Amino acid sequence: MPPKEPKAKAAAKVLKGAIPPRTLERPFPRLQLPIRPPYPPMEAKSVKEIPQDNSWQYEPKWDGFRCLAFRDRDQVVLQSKSGQPLDRYFPELAAALGALPDEKFVLDGEIIVEHDGMLHFDELLQRIHPAASRIRRLAQETPATLVVFDLLVMPEGKSIVALPLAERRAKLERFFAELPESPHLSLSPATKDFSQAETWYRDWAVRGCDGVIAKRLDAQYLSGERTAMVKIKRLRTADVVVGGFRYAQKGGAVGSLLLGLYDDQGLLDHVGFSSSFNAAERKKLKKVLQPFIQPKNAATGFTGNAPGGPSRWATERSTEWVPLKPELICEVQYDHLSGGRFRHGTKFLRWRPDKDPLTCTFDQLEVKSSPSSMQRSA
């Protein structure tokens, strides 16, 4: 007897708060589908190495927004990983899905913006904006694509989440083979060949993919769970200048180091932060940084793009920082670079007193141009 579809389990997760209904920007429409939003997507557990046996399917790890796409006749809904509606931010995708000949389906994929052979995550972020006029303009200037990697509901309206991935993938490929070509829809490549997975992991970083996803071929679609899919992110290291720091919100200890790299005009650009320290390490950091602290108006610290600039998520406290003489060098581990900045917080590895600060440039990274130098040359 085949396992029951995880529909009830998904509903229970919503009720328990995995996707709290109160957080929705607006309610989802009532769709006549066996799976309805908000529906928690299957998630991946992070591991260090690509699993190597014939029970896995490999895919590139796309750098974008996870998206479940629902089509019920004339209604199209795009749902984010966190259970928020996305269709108002990506009208070109909603239109493309609404124009397909099949009137019922549910797809799982990733929204990306790709041009000049590279993914551009910063251009995706610009879409999450309250002004409809801006969204329409960006949809024309930097159109998005939904890269699809799973099929959850068939065109006849039948859920296939209880089928193993190998069968779902075959049905997805047949589904795509019958679709008209669209610049807004793409089928994600997949393989059982481990050497191909290694190639994606090694060579597609320049394109903007940040690793590989491996999924068990015999697994059903496990909504909200991490038991059948793993992600292997490509981690890299860089030598960076510590151009400043922020205090922790409580206790007066160091909260995070602010990291910089020199651009091609010799200016120090802020590129990210590192806060991977325990309580004891934070206390020691204060003594290390103290001799390098400079007054706010000193011509030191970041001379190019500087930290600061409040965002929708920043508090007044979180934008305050202390400049340092640009003499401290450390090596950090990072997973991805986007728009001349480390996407996520970096992991502090070690101090590098043997390094000259001026050697800490963008040239050591795979994406070499800095945002400030691009702005000044424009």
Protein backbone atom coordinates (compact mmCIF):
# COMPACT_ATOMS: atom_id res chain seq x y z
CA MET A 1 0.00 0.00 0.00
CA PRO A 2 1.59 3.35 -1.01
CA PRO A 3 2.29 5.89 1.75
CA LYS A 4 -0.34 8.53 2.33
CA GLU A 5 0.25 11.93 0.82
CA PRO A 6 1.69 14.36 3.37
CA LYS A 7 -1.23 16.73 2.91
CA ALA A 8 -2.46 16.32 6.49
CA LYS A 9 1.07 16.67 7.81
CA ALA A 10 1.53 19.88 5.83
CA ALA A 11 -1.70 21.27 7.22
CA ALA A 12 -0.56 20.39 10.73
CA LYS A 13 2.70 22.26 10.15
CA VAL A 14 0.76 25.36 9.16
CA LEU A 15 -1.37 25.10 12.28
CA LYS A 16 1.71 24.61 14.44
CA GLY A 17 3.26 27.77 13.01
CA ALA A 18 5.68 26.50 10.35
CA ILE A 19 3.91 28.95 8.05
CA PRO A 20 1.82 31.11 10.37
CA PRO A 21 -1.33 32.34 8.56
CA ARG A 22 -1.15 35.64 10.43
CA THR A 23 2.11 36.52 8.65
CA LEU A 24 0.58 36.50 5.18
CA GLU A 25 0.62 39.86 3.40
CA ARG A 26 -2.79 38.93 1.97
CA PRO A 27 -4.86 35.73 1.98
CA PHE A 28 -4.33 33.21 -0.80
CA PRO A 29 -7.30 32.57 -3.08
CA ARG A 30 -9.18 29.32 -2.60
CA LEU A 31 -7.91 26.97 -5.29
CA GLN A 32 -9.58 23.76 -6.40
CA LEU A 33 -6.38 21.72 -6.19
CA PRO A 34 -5.34 18.77 -4.01
CA ILE A 35 -2.45 20.93 -2.74
CA ARG A 36 -3.20 24.54 -1.85
CA PRO A 37 -1.11 27.43 -0.55
CA PRO A 38 0.38 27.97 1.90
CA TYR A 39 2.13 24.63 1.41
CA PRO A 40 5.58 24.05 2.99
CA PRO A 41 8.09 22.97 0.32
CA MET A 42 10.44 20.07 0.86
CA GLU A 43 13.71 21.36 2.31
CA ALA A 44 17.36 20.34 2.25
CA LYS A 45 19.79 19.45 5.00
CA SER A 46 23.26 20.95 4.67
CA VAL A 47 26.13 18.44 4.32
CA LYS A 48 29.82 18.82 3.52
CA GLU A 49 30.23 16.33 0.66
CA ILE A 50 28.20 15.26 -2.35
CA PRO A 51 26.76 11.78 -1.63
CA GLN A 52 28.11 9.25 -4.11
CA ASP A 53 25.92 6.28 -4.96
CA ASN A 54 23.19 5.42 -7.44
CA SER A 55 20.32 6.33 -5.10
CA TRP A 56 20.68 10.09 -5.70
CA GLN A 57 19.62 12.63 -8.33
CA TYR A 58 21.82 15.73 -8.60
CA GLU A 59 20.84 19.27 -9.61
CA PRO A 60 22.59 22.66 -9.58
CA LYS A 61 21.83 24.79 -6.52
CA TRP A 62 20.22 27.89 -8.02
CA ASP A 63 20.73 31.26 -6.34
CA GLY A 64 17.27 32.77 -6.22
CA PHE A 65 13.89 32.65 -4.48
CA ARG A 66 12.32 29.25 -3.84
CA CYS A 67 8.85 29.23 -5.34
CA LEU A 68 5.83 26.94 -5.51
CA ALA A 69 3.68 27.78 -8.56
CA PHE A 70 -0.04 26.93 -8.45
CA ARG A 71 -2.31 27.07 -11.52
CA ASP A 72 -6.06 26.53 -11.24
CA ARG A 73 -7.72 27.57 -14.51
CA ASP A 74 -7.54 31.40 -14.60
CA GLN A 75 -5.85 31.69 -11.19
CA VAL A 76 -2.08 31.65 -10.74
CA VAL A 77 -0.41 31.82 -7.32
CA LEU A 78 3.31 32.04 -6.61
CA GLN A 79 4.24 31.12 -3.05
CA SER A 80 7.59 31.76 -1.37
CA LYS A 81 9.43 29.27 0.84
CA SER A 82 8.14 31.11 3.91
CA GLY A 83 4.55 30.91 2.69
CA GLN A 84 4.20 34.45 1.34
CA PRO A 85 2.54 35.34 -2.01
CA LEU A 86 5.05 36.33 -4.70
CA ASP A 87 2.91 36.79 -7.80
CA ARG A 88 2.54 40.58 -7.41
CA TYR A 89 6.33 40.92 -7.48
CA PHE A 90 6.79 38.76 -10.58
CA PRO A 91 3.88 39.55 -12.93
CA GLU A 92 5.77 38.23 -15.96
CA LEU A 93 5.95 34.77 -14.35
CA ALA A 94 2.29 34.78 -13.39
CA ALA A 95 1.39 35.76 -16.97
CA ALA A 96 3.63 33.06 -18.48
CA LEU A 97 2.15 30.35 -16.24
CA GLY A 98 -1.38 31.58 -16.90
CA ALA A 99 -0.82 31.34 -20.67
CA LEU A 100 0.14 27.64 -20.64
CA PRO A 101 -2.30 25.22 -22.26
CA ASP A 102 -2.52 23.09 -19.10
CA GLU A 103 -4.98 24.71 -16.71
CA LYS A 104 -4.15 22.80 -13.52
CA PHE A 105 -0.75 22.00 -12.02
CA VAL A 106 1.60 22.68 -9.11
CA LEU A 107 5.32 23.16 -9.73
CA ASP A 108 8.31 23.55 -7.40
CA GLY A 109 11.24 25.66 -8.54
CA GLU A 110 13.46 28.68 -8.08
CA ILE A 111 12.93 32.22 -9.36
CA ILE A 112 16.14 33.62 -10.83
CA VAL A 113 17.28 36.62 -12.83
CA GLU A 114 19.99 35.65 -15.30
CA HIS A 115 21.71 37.65 -18.00
CA ASP A 116 25.23 37.95 -19.41
CA GLY A 117 25.78 34.35 -18.36
CA MET A 118 25.35 35.07 -14.64
CA LEU A 119 22.69 35.00 -11.94
CA HIS A 120 21.88 38.38 -10.35
CA PHE A 121 20.39 37.97 -6.89
CA ASP A 122 20.48 41.71 -6.15
CA GLU A 123 18.08 42.31 -9.03
CA LEU A 124 15.68 39.79 -7.48
CA LEU A 125 15.79 41.67 -4.19
CA GLN A 126 14.81 44.89 -5.95
CA ARG A 127 11.50 43.28 -6.93
CA ILE A 128 10.29 43.07 -3.32
CA HIS A 129 9.00 46.63 -3.41
CA PRO A 130 5.63 48.19 -2.57
CA ALA A 131 5.39 50.29 -5.76
CA ALA A 132 3.59 48.42 -8.55
CA SER A 133 4.98 50.83 -11.16
CA ARG A 134 8.55 49.97 -10.19
CA ILE A 135 7.81 46.24 -10.30
CA ARG A 136 6.32 46.56 -13.81
CA ARG A 137 9.39 48.49 -14.98
CA LEU A 138 11.82 45.94 -13.51
CA ALA A 139 9.81 43.09 -15.01
CA GLN A 140 10.63 44.60 -18.41
CA GLU A 141 14.24 45.57 -17.66
CA THR A 142 15.35 42.48 -15.72
CA PRO A 143 12.78 39.74 -16.41
CA ALA A 144 12.77 36.69 -14.15
CA THR A 145 12.69 32.99 -14.95
CA LEU A 146 11.14 30.16 -12.97
CA VAL A 147 13.57 27.23 -13.07
CA VAL A 148 11.40 24.18 -12.35
CA PHE A 149 12.72 21.03 -10.67
CA ASP A 150 9.62 19.19 -9.44
CA LEU A 151 5.99 18.49 -10.38
CA LEU A 152 3.52 18.03 -7.51
CA VAL A 153 0.13 18.13 -9.23
CA MET A 154 -0.52 16.80 -12.73
CA PRO A 155 -2.48 18.75 -15.40
CA GLU A 156 -5.49 16.51 -14.78
CA GLY A 157 -5.50 17.75 -11.18
CA LYS A 158 -4.01 14.65 -9.50
CA SER A 159 -1.43 14.99 -6.74
CA ILE A 160 1.74 12.95 -7.26
CA VAL A 161 3.63 13.93 -4.09
CA ALA A 162 3.43 10.30 -2.88
CA LEU A 163 5.33 9.05 -5.94
CA PRO A 164 9.12 8.61 -5.76
CA LEU A 165 11.24 11.37 -7.24
CA ALA A 166 12.33 9.18 -10.17
CA GLU A 167 8.70 8.94 -11.34
CA ARG A 168 7.92 12.60 -10.64
CA ARG A 169 10.98 13.69 -12.64
CA ALA A 170 9.92 11.59 -15.64
CA LYS A 171 6.45 13.13 -15.53
CA LEU A 172 7.97 16.63 -15.18
CA GLU A 173 10.12 16.11 -18.28
CA ARG A 174 7.09 14.98 -20.29
CA PHE A 175 5.15 17.99 -18.97
CA PHE A 176 7.88 20.36 -20.19
CA ALA A 177 8.30 18.59 -23.52
CA GLU A 178 4.72 19.53 -24.40
CA LEU A 179 4.97 23.20 -23.38
CA PRO A 180 5.54 26.07 -25.80
CA GLU A 181 8.92 27.77 -25.38
CA SER A 182 8.96 30.66 -22.93
CA PRO A 183 11.81 32.90 -21.72
CA HIS A 184 10.19 32.82 -18.28
CA LEU A 185 10.10 29.05 -17.76
CA SER A 186 13.00 26.62 -17.71
CA LEU A 187 13.52 22.99 -16.73
CA SER A 188 16.37 22.58 -14.26
CA PRO A 189 18.96 20.03 -15.43
CA ALA A 190 19.21 16.85 -13.38
CA THR A 191 21.53 13.86 -13.51
CA LYS A 192 22.41 10.60 -11.78
CA ASP A 193 26.03 11.02 -12.89
CA PHE A 194 28.27 11.93 -9.94
CA SER A 195 30.97 13.37 -12.21
CA GLN A 196 28.44 15.79 -13.70
CA ALA A 197 27.46 16.87 -10.17
CA GLU A 198 31.13 17.53 -9.43
CA THR A 199 31.37 19.65 -12.59
CA TRP A 200 28.38 21.76 -11.54
CA TYR A 201 29.85 22.15 -8.07
CA ARG A 202 33.27 23.15 -9.40
CA ASP A 203 32.55 25.14 -12.56
CA TRP A 204 29.13 26.75 -12.18
CA ALA A 205 30.16 29.07 -9.34
CA VAL A 206 31.23 31.63 -11.95
CA ARG A 207 27.69 31.54 -13.32
CA GLY A 208 26.32 32.21 -9.84
CA CYS A 209 25.23 28.76 -8.65
CA ASP A 210 26.48 28.15 -5.14
CA GLY A 211 26.65 24.37 -4.98
CA VAL A 212 24.73 21.19 -5.69
CA ILE A 213 21.44 19.69 -4.49
CA ALA A 214 21.14 15.89 -4.09
CA LYS A 215 17.72 14.22 -3.78
CA ARG A 216 16.89 10.60 -3.04
CA LEU A 217 15.39 8.99 -6.14
CA ASP A 218 13.13 6.71 -4.11
CA ALA A 219 11.67 9.46 -1.88
CA GLN A 220 8.23 10.98 -2.10
CA TYR A 221 7.81 14.75 -1.82
CA LEU A 222 8.15 15.29 1.95
CA SER A 223 6.54 18.66 2.57
CA GLY A 224 8.42 20.73 5.16
CA GLU A 225 10.96 17.98 5.89
CA ARG A 226 14.74 17.69 5.33
CA THR A 227 15.08 13.90 5.23
CA ALA A 228 15.24 13.24 1.46
CA MET A 229 17.27 16.17 0.12
CA VAL A 230 20.72 17.56 0.94
CA LYS A 231 22.58 20.67 -0.19
CA ILE A 232 26.30 20.96 -0.65
CA LYS A 233 27.33 24.61 -0.74
CA ARG A 234 30.61 25.70 -2.26
CA LEU A 235 32.58 27.40 0.50
CA ARG A 236 35.53 29.62 -0.31
CA THR A 237 38.02 31.70 1.66
CA ALA A 238 39.32 35.25 1.32
CA ASP A 239 41.80 37.51 3.11
CA VAL A 240 40.02 40.70 4.16
CA VAL A 241 40.74 43.96 5.97
CA VAL A 242 38.85 44.60 9.21
CA GLY A 243 37.76 48.19 8.59
CA GLY A 244 35.46 48.48 11.59
CA PHE A 245 33.24 46.65 14.03
CA ARG A 246 29.88 46.81 15.74
CA TYR A 247 29.22 46.32 19.43
CA ALA A 248 26.81 43.65 20.57
CA GLN A 249 23.43 45.01 21.60
CA LYS A 250 24.03 43.97 25.21
CA GLY A 251 27.10 43.73 27.41
CA GLY A 252 29.48 45.97 25.49
CA ALA A 253 31.31 43.10 23.79
CA VAL A 254 32.17 43.06 20.08
CA GLY A 255 29.19 41.91 18.03
CA SER A 256 30.65 41.64 14.54
CA LEU A 257 33.70 42.50 12.48
CA LEU A 258 33.11 44.62 9.37
CA LEU A 259 35.13 43.39 6.43
CA GLY A 260 36.62 45.21 3.47
CA LEU A 261 38.45 44.69 0.19
CA TYR A 262 40.38 47.22 -1.89
CA ASP A 263 38.95 48.05 -5.30
CA ASP A 264 40.95 48.83 -8.44
CA GLN A 265 41.18 52.50 -7.42
CA GLY A 266 42.72 51.74 -4.04
CA LEU A 267 39.57 52.42 -1.99
CA LEU A 268 38.44 50.08 0.77
CA ASP A 269 34.90 48.79 0.15
CA HIS A 270 32.75 47.21 2.84
CA VAL A 271 31.94 43.67 1.65
CA GLY A 272 30.34 41.95 4.63
CA PHE A 273 30.70 40.93 8.25
CA SER A 274 31.73 38.10 10.54
CA SER A 275 30.02 37.36 13.84
CA SER A 276 30.95 33.69 14.32
CA PHE A 277 32.38 34.11 17.82
CA ASN A 278 31.42 32.70 21.20
CA ALA A 279 31.17 34.84 24.35
CA ALA A 280 34.79 34.27 25.40
CA GLU A 281 36.12 35.10 21.94
CA ARG A 282 34.08 38.33 21.83
CA LYS A 283 35.74 39.54 25.03
CA LYS A 284 39.20 38.85 23.60
CA LEU A 285 38.28 40.63 20.36
CA LYS A 286 37.79 43.90 22.20
CA LYS A 287 41.43 43.86 23.36
CA VAL A 288 42.64 43.01 19.86
CA LEU A 289 40.68 45.85 18.24
CA GLN A 290 41.25 48.55 20.86
CA PRO A 291 44.64 49.83 19.53
CA PHE A 292 43.16 50.31 16.04
CA ILE A 293 40.02 52.27 16.97
CA GLN A 294 39.72 55.63 15.21
CA PRO A 295 37.37 58.58 15.73
CA LYS A 296 34.31 58.70 13.47
CA ASN A 297 35.63 61.62 11.45
CA ALA A 298 39.06 60.07 10.84
CA ALA A 299 40.08 59.43 7.24
CA THR A 300 40.47 55.71 7.94
CA GLY A 301 38.24 52.69 7.93
CA PHE A 302 36.20 52.30 4.75
CA THR A 303 37.15 54.83 2.09
CA GLY A 304 34.90 53.38 -0.64
CA ASN A 305 31.48 51.87 0.05
CA ALA A 306 30.95 52.06 3.80
CA PRO A 307 28.58 50.28 6.20
CA GLY A 308 25.58 52.12 7.54
CA GLY A 309 22.53 52.92 5.45
CA PRO A 310 19.50 51.59 7.32
CA SER A 311 17.30 49.03 5.59
CA ARG A 312 13.74 47.93 6.20
CA TRP A 313 15.05 45.33 8.66
CA ALA A 314 17.78 47.37 10.39
CA THR A 315 17.32 49.16 13.67
CA GLU A 316 19.03 52.42 14.50
CA ARG A 317 21.34 50.50 16.82
CA SER A 318 22.35 47.98 14.16
CA THR A 319 23.67 50.67 11.80
CA GLU A 320 26.19 52.12 14.28
CA TRP A 321 29.78 51.06 13.76
CA VAL A 322 33.30 51.93 14.93
CA PRO A 323 36.02 52.62 12.32
CA LEU A 324 39.46 51.02 12.59
CA LYS A 325 42.85 51.70 11.07
CA PRO A 326 42.92 49.40 8.01
CA GLU A 327 45.79 47.30 9.34
CA LEU A 328 44.14 44.15 10.72
CA ILE A 329 43.86 41.26 8.26
CA CYS A 330 41.91 38.05 8.75
CA GLU A 331 40.98 35.05 6.66
CA VAL A 332 37.28 34.23 6.45
CA GLN A 333 35.20 31.50 4.86
CA TYR A 334 32.24 32.54 2.72
CA ASP A 335 29.66 30.75 0.64
CA HIS A 336 28.59 33.25 -1.99
CA LEU A 337 29.39 36.69 -3.38
CA SER A 338 26.65 38.87 -4.87
CA GLY A 339 26.81 42.50 -5.92
CA GLY A 340 30.34 42.84 -4.57
CA ARG A 341 29.31 41.64 -1.08
CA PHE A 342 29.34 38.39 0.84
CA ARG A 343 25.70 37.26 0.80
CA HIS A 344 25.68 35.78 4.30
CA GLY A 345 27.80 36.26 7.39
CA THR A 346 31.29 34.82 7.00
CA LYS A 347 33.13 32.44 9.32
CA PHE A 348 36.28 33.82 10.94
CA LEU A 349 39.20 31.43 10.41
CA ARG A 350 42.38 33.17 11.60
CA TRP A 351 44.32 36.40 11.78
CA ARG A 352 46.84 37.05 8.99
CA PRO A 353 49.57 39.34 10.39
CA ASP A 354 51.81 38.21 7.53
CA LYS A 355 49.60 39.89 4.92
CA ASP A 356 49.87 43.42 3.55
CA PRO A 357 46.42 45.08 3.73
CA LEU A 358 46.77 46.39 0.18
CA THR A 359 46.93 42.82 -1.14
CA CYS A 360 43.35 42.23 0.08
CA THR A 361 41.65 43.06 -3.21
CA PHE A 362 38.69 41.84 -5.25
CA ASP A 363 41.14 40.08 -7.56
CA GLN A 364 41.30 37.10 -5.19
CA LEU A 365 37.56 36.47 -5.69
CA GLU A 366 35.80 34.82 -8.62
CA VAL A 367 33.76 38.01 -9.21
CA LYS A 368 36.42 40.69 -9.31
CA SER A 369 34.61 43.97 -9.87
CA SER A 370 33.56 45.97 -6.82
CA PRO A 371 30.28 47.91 -6.66
CA SER A 372 31.94 51.23 -5.85
CA SER A 373 34.39 51.06 -8.73
CA MET A 374 31.52 50.22 -11.12
CA GLN A 375 29.55 53.22 -9.85
CA ARG A 376 32.50 55.59 -10.28
CA SER A 377 33.28 54.36 -13.78
CA ALA A 378 29.69 54.65 -14.95
